[in-house]
């Protein structure tokens, strides 16, 4: 018996249907640095997504002190929420440095009150950059850190090197936890330290 007219076409059209996409977690990351931190977060997100992570990350560089970073994060979160559920963020994260800022305590209090994950690097973010290629954990000055990342070929000026070993993020996490066993968001750890493993965990969690 022959097929009914149009049956083959219907089956062909049906075979093209794609399964509905799983809902993805949305994370906002607001950084103090305009280039290095923002580039790193974008590179890290790409690396983790290539290994199955389904997190959507929006990275914004502010270029202000810690308190201004948290305040900007709140504004961006509110603007996104006003655009509907699809634009709302599931988690908000701020990356800041200890460096010479005087507003850190205020930033910590505000972030805690607003349920924002404040990731502090002591002395600065370059500590985390170094730990992708160097396991030394002694304190360095800001200039010494800059010299170290340059010597290791991890950065060119304020930009991440094209060959930056983002695949060593697990190694960096292990070094960070060794340097500060109590690392957590909303806390200033010893020098050197960083709570960046908190962000890595957030990016790999399932919703």
N, C-alpha and C. Protein backbone atom coordinates (compact mmCIF):
# COMPACT_ATOMS: atom_id res chain seq x y z
N UNK A 1 0.85 -1.19 0.00
CA UNK A 1 0.00 0.00 0.00
C UNK A 1 0.89 1.24 0.00
N UNK A 2 0.57 2.22 -0.87
CA UNK A 2 1.36 3.45 -0.96
C UNK A 2 1.11 4.35 0.23
N UNK A 3 2.06 5.24 0.47
CA UNK A 3 1.91 6.18 1.57
C UNK A 3 0.93 7.27 1.19
N UNK A 4 0.23 7.78 2.18
CA UNK A 4 -0.70 8.87 1.93
C UNK A 4 0.07 10.10 1.51
N UNK A 5 -0.56 10.90 0.69
CA UNK A 5 0.04 12.12 0.19
C UNK A 5 0.39 13.05 1.35
N UNK A 6 1.67 13.51 1.37
CA UNK A 6 2.11 14.45 2.40
C UNK A 6 2.71 13.78 3.61
N UNK A 7 2.55 12.40 3.74
CA UNK A 7 3.05 11.71 4.93
C UNK A 7 4.57 11.82 5.04
N UNK A 8 5.25 11.61 3.87
CA UNK A 8 6.71 11.69 3.88
C UNK A 8 7.20 13.06 4.27
N UNK A 9 6.49 14.10 3.78
CA UNK A 9 6.89 15.46 4.09
C UNK A 9 6.73 15.76 5.57
N UNK A 10 5.61 15.23 6.17
CA UNK A 10 5.38 15.46 7.59
C UNK A 10 6.47 14.82 8.44
N UNK A 11 6.85 13.59 8.06
CA UNK A 11 7.89 12.90 8.81
C UNK A 11 9.22 13.63 8.69
N UNK A 12 9.49 14.14 7.49
CA UNK A 12 10.74 14.85 7.28
C UNK A 12 10.80 16.11 8.11
N UNK A 13 9.67 16.82 8.15
CA UNK A 13 9.64 18.03 8.96
C UNK A 13 9.79 17.71 10.44
N UNK A 14 9.12 16.62 10.88
CA UNK A 14 9.19 16.23 12.28
C UNK A 14 10.60 15.83 12.70
N UNK A 15 11.36 15.23 11.77
CA UNK A 15 12.70 14.77 12.12
C UNK A 15 13.65 15.92 12.38
N UNK A 16 13.28 17.11 11.97
CA UNK A 16 14.16 18.26 12.15
C UNK A 16 13.96 18.95 13.50
N UNK A 17 12.97 18.53 14.23
CA UNK A 17 12.70 19.19 15.50
C UNK A 17 13.85 18.94 16.48
N UNK A 18 14.23 19.99 17.17
CA UNK A 18 15.30 19.88 18.16
C UNK A 18 14.71 19.85 19.57
N UNK A 19 15.35 19.09 20.46
CA UNK A 19 14.86 19.08 21.84
C UNK A 19 14.98 20.46 22.48
N UNK A 20 14.07 20.77 23.39
CA UNK A 20 14.11 22.07 24.07
C UNK A 20 15.41 22.20 24.85
N UNK A 21 15.99 23.39 24.85
CA UNK A 21 17.23 23.62 25.58
C UNK A 21 16.98 23.64 27.09
N UNK A 22 17.94 23.07 27.82
CA UNK A 22 17.85 23.09 29.27
C UNK A 22 18.03 24.53 29.75
N UNK A 23 17.33 24.87 30.81
CA UNK A 23 17.45 26.22 31.36
C UNK A 23 18.86 26.43 31.87
N UNK A 24 19.44 27.55 31.54
CA UNK A 24 20.82 27.84 31.94
C UNK A 24 20.87 28.83 33.08
N UNK A 25 21.84 28.61 33.96
CA UNK A 25 22.06 29.54 35.05
C UNK A 25 22.72 30.80 34.49
N UNK A 26 22.35 31.94 35.04
CA UNK A 26 22.92 33.21 34.60
C UNK A 26 23.68 33.83 35.77
N UNK A 27 24.96 34.12 35.53
CA UNK A 27 25.80 34.70 36.57
C UNK A 27 26.38 36.02 36.08
N UNK A 28 26.23 37.05 36.91
CA UNK A 28 26.82 38.35 36.63
C UNK A 28 28.14 38.46 37.39
N UNK A 29 29.21 38.80 36.68
CA UNK A 29 30.51 39.00 37.31
C UNK A 29 30.95 40.43 37.04
N UNK A 30 31.05 41.23 38.07
CA UNK A 30 31.48 42.62 37.95
C UNK A 30 32.88 42.72 38.53
N UNK A 31 33.81 43.26 37.75
CA UNK A 31 35.20 43.28 38.16
C UNK A 31 35.72 44.69 38.38
N UNK A 32 36.66 44.80 39.28
CA UNK A 32 37.31 46.09 39.52
C UNK A 32 38.20 46.45 38.34
N UNK A 33 38.90 45.45 37.82
CA UNK A 33 39.78 45.68 36.67
C UNK A 33 38.99 45.78 35.38
N UNK A 34 39.43 46.67 34.50
CA UNK A 34 38.73 46.86 33.22
C UNK A 34 39.12 45.83 32.18
N UNK A 35 40.31 45.24 32.31
CA UNK A 35 40.79 44.34 31.26
C UNK A 35 41.18 42.95 31.76
N UNK A 36 42.16 42.88 32.66
CA UNK A 36 42.70 41.58 33.04
C UNK A 36 41.63 40.66 33.61
N UNK A 37 40.91 41.09 34.65
CA UNK A 37 39.92 40.25 35.28
C UNK A 37 38.78 39.90 34.31
N UNK A 38 38.33 40.88 33.55
CA UNK A 38 37.25 40.65 32.60
C UNK A 38 37.67 39.62 31.55
N UNK A 39 38.87 39.77 31.02
CA UNK A 39 39.37 38.81 30.03
C UNK A 39 39.48 37.42 30.64
N UNK A 40 39.95 37.37 31.88
CA UNK A 40 40.12 36.06 32.52
C UNK A 40 38.76 35.36 32.69
N UNK A 41 37.77 36.08 33.20
CA UNK A 41 36.45 35.49 33.43
C UNK A 41 35.88 34.97 32.12
N UNK A 42 36.02 35.73 31.05
CA UNK A 42 35.50 35.30 29.75
C UNK A 42 36.24 34.07 29.24
N UNK A 43 37.56 34.05 29.43
CA UNK A 43 38.35 32.90 29.02
C UNK A 43 38.00 31.66 29.85
N UNK A 44 37.84 31.86 31.15
CA UNK A 44 37.48 30.74 32.03
C UNK A 44 36.10 30.19 31.68
N UNK A 45 35.15 31.07 31.45
CA UNK A 45 33.81 30.61 31.10
C UNK A 45 33.81 29.80 29.81
N UNK A 46 34.58 30.27 28.82
CA UNK A 46 34.68 29.53 27.56
C UNK A 46 35.29 28.16 27.77
N UNK A 47 36.33 28.08 28.61
CA UNK A 47 36.99 26.81 28.89
C UNK A 47 36.04 25.84 29.59
N UNK A 48 35.32 26.32 30.60
CA UNK A 48 34.42 25.44 31.35
C UNK A 48 33.23 25.01 30.50
N UNK A 49 32.73 25.90 29.67
CA UNK A 49 31.60 25.53 28.80
C UNK A 49 32.01 24.50 27.77
N UNK A 50 33.27 24.54 27.35
CA UNK A 50 33.75 23.53 26.40
C UNK A 50 33.77 22.15 27.03
N UNK A 51 33.69 22.10 28.36
CA UNK A 51 33.69 20.84 29.10
C UNK A 51 32.34 20.54 29.73
N UNK A 52 31.29 21.19 29.22
CA UNK A 52 29.94 20.82 29.62
C UNK A 52 29.20 21.79 30.51
N UNK A 53 29.84 22.86 30.99
CA UNK A 53 29.15 23.83 31.81
C UNK A 53 28.12 24.58 30.96
N UNK A 54 26.95 24.85 31.54
CA UNK A 54 25.90 25.56 30.79
C UNK A 54 25.60 26.94 31.37
N UNK A 55 26.55 27.47 32.13
CA UNK A 55 26.36 28.78 32.74
C UNK A 55 26.54 29.91 31.72
N UNK A 56 25.68 30.89 31.78
CA UNK A 56 25.80 32.09 30.97
C UNK A 56 26.40 33.18 31.85
N UNK A 57 27.53 33.75 31.43
CA UNK A 57 28.23 34.74 32.25
C UNK A 57 28.25 36.09 31.54
N UNK A 58 27.92 37.13 32.27
CA UNK A 58 28.11 38.48 31.78
C UNK A 58 29.20 39.12 32.62
N UNK A 59 30.26 39.54 31.99
CA UNK A 59 31.40 40.12 32.70
C UNK A 59 31.46 41.61 32.41
N UNK A 60 31.56 42.41 33.48
CA UNK A 60 31.58 43.87 33.35
C UNK A 60 32.75 44.44 34.14
N UNK A 61 33.61 45.21 33.51
CA UNK A 61 34.71 45.87 34.19
C UNK A 61 34.29 47.27 34.62
N UNK A 62 34.51 47.61 35.88
CA UNK A 62 34.07 48.90 36.41
C UNK A 62 35.22 49.89 36.56
N UNK A 63 36.37 49.40 37.05
CA UNK A 63 37.51 50.28 37.21
C UNK A 63 37.42 51.22 38.40
N UNK A 64 36.75 50.80 39.47
CA UNK A 64 36.59 51.63 40.67
C UNK A 64 37.05 50.86 41.90
N UNK A 65 36.88 51.47 43.07
CA UNK A 65 37.24 50.79 44.30
C UNK A 65 36.17 49.74 44.65
N UNK A 66 36.44 48.86 45.64
CA UNK A 66 35.52 47.76 45.95
C UNK A 66 34.07 48.18 46.18
N UNK A 67 33.85 49.26 46.91
CA UNK A 67 32.48 49.70 47.18
C UNK A 67 31.76 50.07 45.90
N UNK A 68 32.44 50.77 45.00
CA UNK A 68 31.83 51.16 43.72
C UNK A 68 31.51 49.94 42.87
N UNK A 69 32.35 48.91 42.96
CA UNK A 69 32.11 47.69 42.20
C UNK A 69 30.82 47.03 42.67
N UNK A 70 30.64 46.93 43.98
CA UNK A 70 29.42 46.31 44.53
C UNK A 70 28.20 47.15 44.17
N UNK A 71 28.31 48.46 44.28
CA UNK A 71 27.19 49.33 43.95
C UNK A 71 26.79 49.20 42.48
N UNK A 72 27.77 49.10 41.60
CA UNK A 72 27.48 48.93 40.18
C UNK A 72 26.83 47.58 39.92
N UNK A 73 27.27 46.57 40.64
CA UNK A 73 26.67 45.23 40.51
C UNK A 73 25.19 45.27 40.85
N UNK A 74 24.84 45.97 41.92
CA UNK A 74 23.44 46.08 42.33
C UNK A 74 22.61 46.77 41.25
N UNK A 75 23.16 47.82 40.66
CA UNK A 75 22.44 48.55 39.60
C UNK A 75 22.20 47.65 38.39
N UNK A 76 23.24 46.93 37.96
CA UNK A 76 23.11 46.05 36.79
C UNK A 76 22.10 44.94 37.07
N UNK A 77 22.14 44.39 38.28
CA UNK A 77 21.20 43.32 38.65
C UNK A 77 19.76 43.82 38.61
N UNK A 78 19.53 45.03 39.12
CA UNK A 78 18.18 45.59 39.12
C UNK A 78 17.69 45.86 37.70
N UNK A 79 18.57 46.38 36.86
CA UNK A 79 18.20 46.65 35.47
C UNK A 79 17.85 45.36 34.73
N UNK A 80 18.61 44.30 34.98
CA UNK A 80 18.34 43.02 34.34
C UNK A 80 17.01 42.44 34.80
N UNK A 81 16.73 42.54 36.09
CA UNK A 81 15.48 42.01 36.64
C UNK A 81 14.27 42.73 36.06
N UNK A 82 14.43 44.02 35.78
CA UNK A 82 13.33 44.81 35.23
C UNK A 82 12.99 44.39 33.80
N UNK A 83 13.91 43.68 33.15
CA UNK A 83 13.69 43.24 31.77
C UNK A 83 13.00 41.88 31.69
N UNK A 84 12.67 41.28 32.82
CA UNK A 84 11.96 40.01 32.82
C UNK A 84 12.79 38.86 33.35
N UNK A 85 12.11 37.73 33.61
CA UNK A 85 12.76 36.57 34.21
C UNK A 85 13.92 36.04 33.37
N UNK A 86 13.83 36.11 32.05
CA UNK A 86 14.89 35.56 31.20
C UNK A 86 16.20 36.32 31.34
N UNK A 87 16.15 37.55 31.81
CA UNK A 87 17.36 38.37 31.93
C UNK A 87 17.88 38.43 33.37
N UNK A 88 17.10 37.92 34.32
CA UNK A 88 17.51 37.97 35.72
C UNK A 88 18.74 37.09 35.94
N UNK A 89 19.55 37.49 36.92
CA UNK A 89 20.74 36.73 37.25
C UNK A 89 20.48 35.83 38.46
N UNK A 90 20.98 34.59 38.36
CA UNK A 90 20.84 33.64 39.47
C UNK A 90 21.87 33.94 40.57
N UNK A 91 23.03 34.41 40.17
CA UNK A 91 24.10 34.74 41.12
C UNK A 91 24.79 36.03 40.66
N UNK A 92 25.24 36.82 41.62
CA UNK A 92 26.02 38.02 41.31
C UNK A 92 27.34 37.95 42.07
N UNK A 93 28.42 38.23 41.35
CA UNK A 93 29.77 38.10 41.90
C UNK A 93 30.54 39.38 41.61
N UNK A 94 31.34 39.82 42.59
CA UNK A 94 32.23 40.97 42.38
C UNK A 94 33.66 40.53 42.66
N UNK A 95 34.58 40.90 41.78
CA UNK A 95 36.00 40.60 41.97
C UNK A 95 36.72 41.89 42.32
N UNK A 96 37.36 41.92 43.49
CA UNK A 96 38.05 43.12 43.95
C UNK A 96 39.41 42.77 44.53
N UNK A 97 40.28 43.77 44.61
CA UNK A 97 41.61 43.61 45.19
C UNK A 97 41.70 44.32 46.53
N UNK A 98 42.59 43.83 47.41
CA UNK A 98 42.86 44.53 48.66
C UNK A 98 43.64 45.80 48.33
N UNK A 99 44.81 45.62 47.68
CA UNK A 99 45.65 46.74 47.26
C UNK A 99 45.67 47.84 48.33
N UNK A 100 45.34 49.08 47.99
CA UNK A 100 45.40 50.17 48.96
C UNK A 100 44.03 50.81 49.20
N UNK A 101 42.99 50.06 48.94
CA UNK A 101 41.64 50.61 49.06
C UNK A 101 41.23 50.78 50.52
N UNK A 102 40.44 51.81 50.78
CA UNK A 102 39.95 52.07 52.14
C UNK A 102 38.47 51.74 52.30
N UNK A 103 37.83 51.27 51.22
CA UNK A 103 36.38 51.01 51.28
C UNK A 103 36.06 49.52 51.36
N UNK A 104 37.05 48.68 51.62
CA UNK A 104 36.82 47.24 51.61
C UNK A 104 35.78 46.81 52.65
N UNK A 105 35.89 47.32 53.87
CA UNK A 105 34.94 46.92 54.91
C UNK A 105 33.50 47.28 54.51
N UNK A 106 33.31 48.45 53.92
CA UNK A 106 31.98 48.86 53.47
C UNK A 106 31.50 47.96 52.35
N UNK A 107 32.40 47.61 51.45
CA UNK A 107 32.03 46.74 50.33
C UNK A 107 31.61 45.37 50.83
N UNK A 108 32.31 44.83 51.81
CA UNK A 108 31.98 43.53 52.38
C UNK A 108 30.60 43.56 53.02
N UNK A 109 30.31 44.61 53.79
CA UNK A 109 29.00 44.72 54.44
C UNK A 109 27.87 44.82 53.43
N UNK A 110 28.06 45.66 52.41
CA UNK A 110 27.02 45.84 51.40
C UNK A 110 26.80 44.57 50.60
N UNK A 111 27.88 43.90 50.21
CA UNK A 111 27.76 42.66 49.45
C UNK A 111 27.01 41.61 50.26
N UNK A 112 27.32 41.51 51.54
CA UNK A 112 26.64 40.54 52.40
C UNK A 112 25.15 40.86 52.50
N UNK A 113 24.83 42.13 52.66
CA UNK A 113 23.42 42.54 52.79
C UNK A 113 22.64 42.28 51.50
N UNK A 114 23.34 42.35 50.36
CA UNK A 114 22.68 42.20 49.06
C UNK A 114 22.84 40.80 48.47
N UNK A 115 23.38 39.86 49.26
CA UNK A 115 23.59 38.47 48.81
C UNK A 115 24.43 38.40 47.55
N UNK A 116 25.48 39.21 47.52
CA UNK A 116 26.44 39.22 46.41
C UNK A 116 27.73 38.54 46.87
N UNK A 117 28.26 37.68 46.03
CA UNK A 117 29.50 36.99 46.36
C UNK A 117 30.67 37.93 46.06
N UNK A 118 31.33 38.39 47.11
CA UNK A 118 32.47 39.29 46.95
C UNK A 118 33.76 38.46 47.01
N UNK A 119 34.46 38.41 45.89
CA UNK A 119 35.70 37.62 45.79
C UNK A 119 36.88 38.57 45.93
N UNK A 120 37.62 38.42 47.02
CA UNK A 120 38.73 39.32 47.32
C UNK A 120 40.06 38.64 47.02
N UNK A 121 40.94 39.35 46.32
CA UNK A 121 42.31 38.88 46.08
C UNK A 121 43.27 39.76 46.87
N UNK A 122 44.20 39.13 47.57
CA UNK A 122 45.17 39.84 48.39
C UNK A 122 46.58 39.43 47.95
N UNK A 123 47.38 40.20 47.38
CA UNK A 123 47.27 41.65 47.35
C UNK A 123 46.38 42.11 46.19
N UNK A 124 46.47 41.38 45.07
CA UNK A 124 45.66 41.71 43.91
C UNK A 124 45.48 40.50 43.01
N UNK A 125 44.68 40.66 41.96
CA UNK A 125 44.26 39.55 41.11
C UNK A 125 45.43 38.80 40.49
N UNK A 126 46.55 39.47 40.29
CA UNK A 126 47.71 38.83 39.67
C UNK A 126 48.22 37.65 40.48
N UNK A 127 47.89 37.59 41.77
CA UNK A 127 48.22 36.41 42.58
C UNK A 127 47.59 35.17 41.95
N UNK A 128 46.32 35.28 41.61
CA UNK A 128 45.58 34.17 41.00
C UNK A 128 46.14 33.83 39.62
N UNK A 129 46.48 34.86 38.87
CA UNK A 129 47.07 34.65 37.55
C UNK A 129 48.36 33.83 37.68
N UNK A 130 49.22 34.21 38.63
CA UNK A 130 50.49 33.51 38.84
C UNK A 130 50.29 32.04 39.15
N UNK A 131 49.28 31.74 39.95
CA UNK A 131 49.09 30.36 40.42
C UNK A 131 48.65 29.40 39.33
N UNK A 132 48.43 29.87 38.14
CA UNK A 132 48.19 28.97 37.01
C UNK A 132 49.51 28.38 36.48
N UNK A 133 50.64 28.97 36.91
CA UNK A 133 51.93 28.51 36.38
C UNK A 133 53.03 28.43 37.44
N UNK A 134 52.75 28.89 38.66
CA UNK A 134 53.79 28.97 39.69
C UNK A 134 53.14 28.70 41.04
N UNK A 135 53.66 27.71 41.79
CA UNK A 135 53.02 27.34 43.05
C UNK A 135 53.60 28.04 44.27
N UNK A 136 54.48 29.01 44.07
CA UNK A 136 55.03 29.73 45.22
C UNK A 136 53.96 30.61 45.87
N UNK A 137 53.92 30.60 47.20
CA UNK A 137 52.84 31.28 47.91
C UNK A 137 53.31 32.41 48.82
N UNK A 138 54.56 32.86 48.67
CA UNK A 138 55.06 33.93 49.53
C UNK A 138 54.51 35.28 49.11
N UNK A 139 54.41 36.22 50.05
CA UNK A 139 53.91 37.57 49.73
C UNK A 139 54.87 38.34 48.84
N UNK A 140 54.31 39.11 47.91
CA UNK A 140 55.09 39.95 47.00
C UNK A 140 54.46 41.33 46.96
N UNK A 141 55.27 42.32 46.63
CA UNK A 141 54.73 43.66 46.42
C UNK A 141 53.99 43.71 45.09
N UNK A 142 53.26 44.78 44.87
CA UNK A 142 52.52 44.93 43.61
C UNK A 142 53.47 44.89 42.41
N UNK A 143 54.59 45.59 42.51
CA UNK A 143 55.55 45.60 41.40
C UNK A 143 56.17 44.23 41.19
N UNK A 144 56.42 43.51 42.28
CA UNK A 144 57.00 42.18 42.16
C UNK A 144 56.02 41.21 41.50
N UNK A 145 54.74 41.36 41.82
CA UNK A 145 53.72 40.52 41.18
C UNK A 145 53.66 40.79 39.68
N UNK A 146 53.70 42.06 39.32
CA UNK A 146 53.68 42.43 37.90
C UNK A 146 54.88 41.83 37.17
N UNK A 147 56.03 41.88 37.81
CA UNK A 147 57.24 41.33 37.21
C UNK A 147 57.14 39.81 37.07
N UNK A 148 56.53 39.18 38.07
CA UNK A 148 56.40 37.72 38.05
C UNK A 148 55.52 37.25 36.88
N UNK A 149 54.35 37.87 36.72
CA UNK A 149 53.46 37.43 35.64
C UNK A 149 54.08 37.70 34.28
N UNK A 150 54.86 38.77 34.18
CA UNK A 150 55.54 39.07 32.92
C UNK A 150 56.63 38.03 32.64
N UNK A 151 57.40 37.69 33.67
CA UNK A 151 58.47 36.71 33.51
C UNK A 151 57.91 35.34 33.12
N UNK A 152 56.75 35.00 33.67
CA UNK A 152 56.12 33.71 33.38
C UNK A 152 55.40 33.71 32.03
N UNK A 153 55.33 34.87 31.38
CA UNK A 153 54.68 34.95 30.07
C UNK A 153 53.17 34.82 30.13
N UNK A 154 52.58 35.21 31.29
CA UNK A 154 51.14 35.05 31.47
C UNK A 154 50.34 36.25 30.99
N UNK A 155 51.01 37.41 30.91
CA UNK A 155 50.32 38.61 30.49
C UNK A 155 51.22 39.45 29.60
N UNK A 156 50.57 40.28 28.81
CA UNK A 156 51.27 41.27 28.00
C UNK A 156 50.66 42.62 28.34
N UNK A 157 51.35 43.39 29.18
CA UNK A 157 50.75 44.62 29.69
C UNK A 157 49.61 44.26 30.61
N UNK A 158 48.40 44.76 30.31
CA UNK A 158 47.22 44.44 31.11
C UNK A 158 46.37 43.35 30.47
N UNK A 159 46.85 42.77 29.38
CA UNK A 159 46.09 41.74 28.68
C UNK A 159 46.63 40.35 28.98
N UNK A 160 45.73 39.37 29.06
CA UNK A 160 46.17 37.99 29.21
C UNK A 160 46.89 37.55 27.94
N UNK A 161 47.94 36.77 28.11
CA UNK A 161 48.66 36.25 26.95
C UNK A 161 47.75 35.29 26.18
N UNK A 162 47.93 35.23 24.88
CA UNK A 162 47.11 34.32 24.06
C UNK A 162 47.35 32.87 24.46
N UNK A 163 48.53 32.60 25.05
CA UNK A 163 48.87 31.23 25.46
C UNK A 163 48.61 31.00 26.95
N UNK A 164 47.83 31.88 27.58
CA UNK A 164 47.58 31.74 29.01
C UNK A 164 47.03 30.35 29.32
N UNK A 165 47.60 29.64 30.31
CA UNK A 165 47.19 28.25 30.60
C UNK A 165 45.91 28.14 31.41
N UNK A 166 44.79 28.51 30.78
CA UNK A 166 43.51 28.47 31.48
C UNK A 166 43.16 27.05 31.91
N UNK A 167 43.72 26.06 31.24
CA UNK A 167 43.45 24.66 31.60
C UNK A 167 44.09 24.26 32.93
N UNK A 168 44.89 25.15 33.50
CA UNK A 168 45.52 24.88 34.80
C UNK A 168 44.70 25.46 35.95
N UNK A 169 43.44 25.76 35.71
CA UNK A 169 42.62 26.39 36.73
C UNK A 169 42.47 25.50 37.96
N UNK A 170 42.40 24.18 37.76
CA UNK A 170 42.28 23.28 38.91
C UNK A 170 43.53 23.35 39.77
N UNK A 171 44.69 23.47 39.13
CA UNK A 171 45.96 23.61 39.87
C UNK A 171 45.95 24.90 40.68
N UNK A 172 45.49 25.98 40.06
CA UNK A 172 45.42 27.27 40.75
C UNK A 172 44.49 27.19 41.96
N UNK A 173 43.37 26.48 41.81
CA UNK A 173 42.43 26.32 42.92
C UNK A 173 43.09 25.58 44.09
N UNK A 174 43.86 24.55 43.76
CA UNK A 174 44.53 23.76 44.81
C UNK A 174 45.54 24.63 45.56
N UNK A 175 46.29 25.46 44.82
CA UNK A 175 47.27 26.34 45.46
C UNK A 175 46.57 27.37 46.33
N UNK A 176 45.46 27.92 45.83
CA UNK A 176 44.72 28.93 46.59
C UNK A 176 44.20 28.35 47.90
N UNK A 177 43.72 27.12 47.87
CA UNK A 177 43.20 26.49 49.08
C UNK A 177 44.32 26.14 50.05
N UNK A 178 45.50 25.86 49.52
CA UNK A 178 46.65 25.60 50.38
C UNK A 178 47.10 26.90 51.06
N UNK A 179 47.06 27.99 50.32
CA UNK A 179 47.48 29.29 50.86
C UNK A 179 46.49 29.81 51.90
N UNK A 180 45.20 29.48 51.72
CA UNK A 180 44.16 29.97 52.64
C UNK A 180 43.09 28.90 52.79
N UNK A 181 43.26 28.05 53.79
CA UNK A 181 42.34 26.92 53.99
C UNK A 181 40.91 27.38 54.28
N UNK A 182 40.76 28.60 54.76
CA UNK A 182 39.42 29.10 55.08
C UNK A 182 38.85 30.04 54.05
N UNK A 183 39.36 29.97 52.82
CA UNK A 183 38.91 30.94 51.81
C UNK A 183 37.40 30.87 51.60
N UNK A 184 36.81 32.02 51.42
CA UNK A 184 35.37 32.12 51.18
C UNK A 184 35.07 33.51 50.66
N UNK A 185 33.88 33.67 50.11
CA UNK A 185 33.47 34.99 49.62
C UNK A 185 33.22 35.91 50.81
N UNK A 186 33.40 37.21 50.60
CA UNK A 186 33.12 38.19 51.63
C UNK A 186 34.14 38.21 52.75
N UNK A 187 35.37 37.87 52.41
CA UNK A 187 36.41 37.77 53.44
C UNK A 187 37.75 38.15 52.83
N UNK A 188 38.56 38.90 53.61
CA UNK A 188 39.92 39.21 53.19
C UNK A 188 40.85 38.18 53.80
N UNK A 189 41.51 37.40 52.95
CA UNK A 189 42.41 36.37 53.42
C UNK A 189 43.81 36.91 53.64
N UNK A 190 44.74 36.04 54.02
CA UNK A 190 46.13 36.45 54.23
C UNK A 190 46.79 36.85 52.91
N UNK A 191 47.95 37.45 53.02
CA UNK A 191 48.72 37.84 51.83
C UNK A 191 49.81 36.78 51.60
N UNK A 192 49.77 36.07 50.45
CA UNK A 192 48.83 36.19 49.33
C UNK A 192 47.66 35.22 49.48
N UNK A 193 46.53 35.59 48.90
CA UNK A 193 45.36 34.71 48.88
C UNK A 193 44.35 35.25 47.87
N UNK A 194 43.40 34.40 47.53
CA UNK A 194 42.28 34.80 46.69
C UNK A 194 41.16 33.80 46.87
N UNK A 195 39.93 34.28 46.79
CA UNK A 195 38.76 33.40 46.89
C UNK A 195 38.23 33.01 45.52
N UNK A 196 39.05 33.11 44.49
CA UNK A 196 38.61 32.77 43.13
C UNK A 196 38.07 31.35 42.98
N UNK A 197 38.52 30.36 43.77
CA UNK A 197 37.89 29.04 43.66
C UNK A 197 36.39 29.06 43.88
N UNK A 198 35.89 30.04 44.63
CA UNK A 198 34.44 30.18 44.84
C UNK A 198 33.75 30.45 43.50
N UNK A 199 34.33 31.32 42.68
CA UNK A 199 33.75 31.60 41.36
C UNK A 199 33.82 30.37 40.46
N UNK A 200 34.94 29.67 40.48
CA UNK A 200 35.07 28.46 39.66
C UNK A 200 33.98 27.46 40.01
N UNK A 201 33.71 27.28 41.31
CA UNK A 201 32.65 26.37 41.72
C UNK A 201 31.29 26.84 41.25
N UNK A 202 31.04 28.13 41.33
CA UNK A 202 29.76 28.67 40.87
C UNK A 202 29.53 28.39 39.39
N UNK A 203 30.59 28.53 38.60
CA UNK A 203 30.47 28.36 37.15
C UNK A 203 30.25 26.91 36.76
N UNK A 204 30.59 25.98 37.64
CA UNK A 204 30.46 24.57 37.30
C UNK A 204 29.28 23.90 38.01
N UNK A 205 28.57 24.64 38.84
CA UNK A 205 27.40 24.07 39.53
C UNK A 205 26.25 23.89 38.55
N UNK A 206 25.41 22.90 38.86
CA UNK A 206 24.18 22.73 38.12
C UNK A 206 23.09 23.56 38.78
N UNK A 207 22.16 24.07 37.96
CA UNK A 207 21.08 24.89 38.53
C UNK A 207 20.11 23.99 39.27
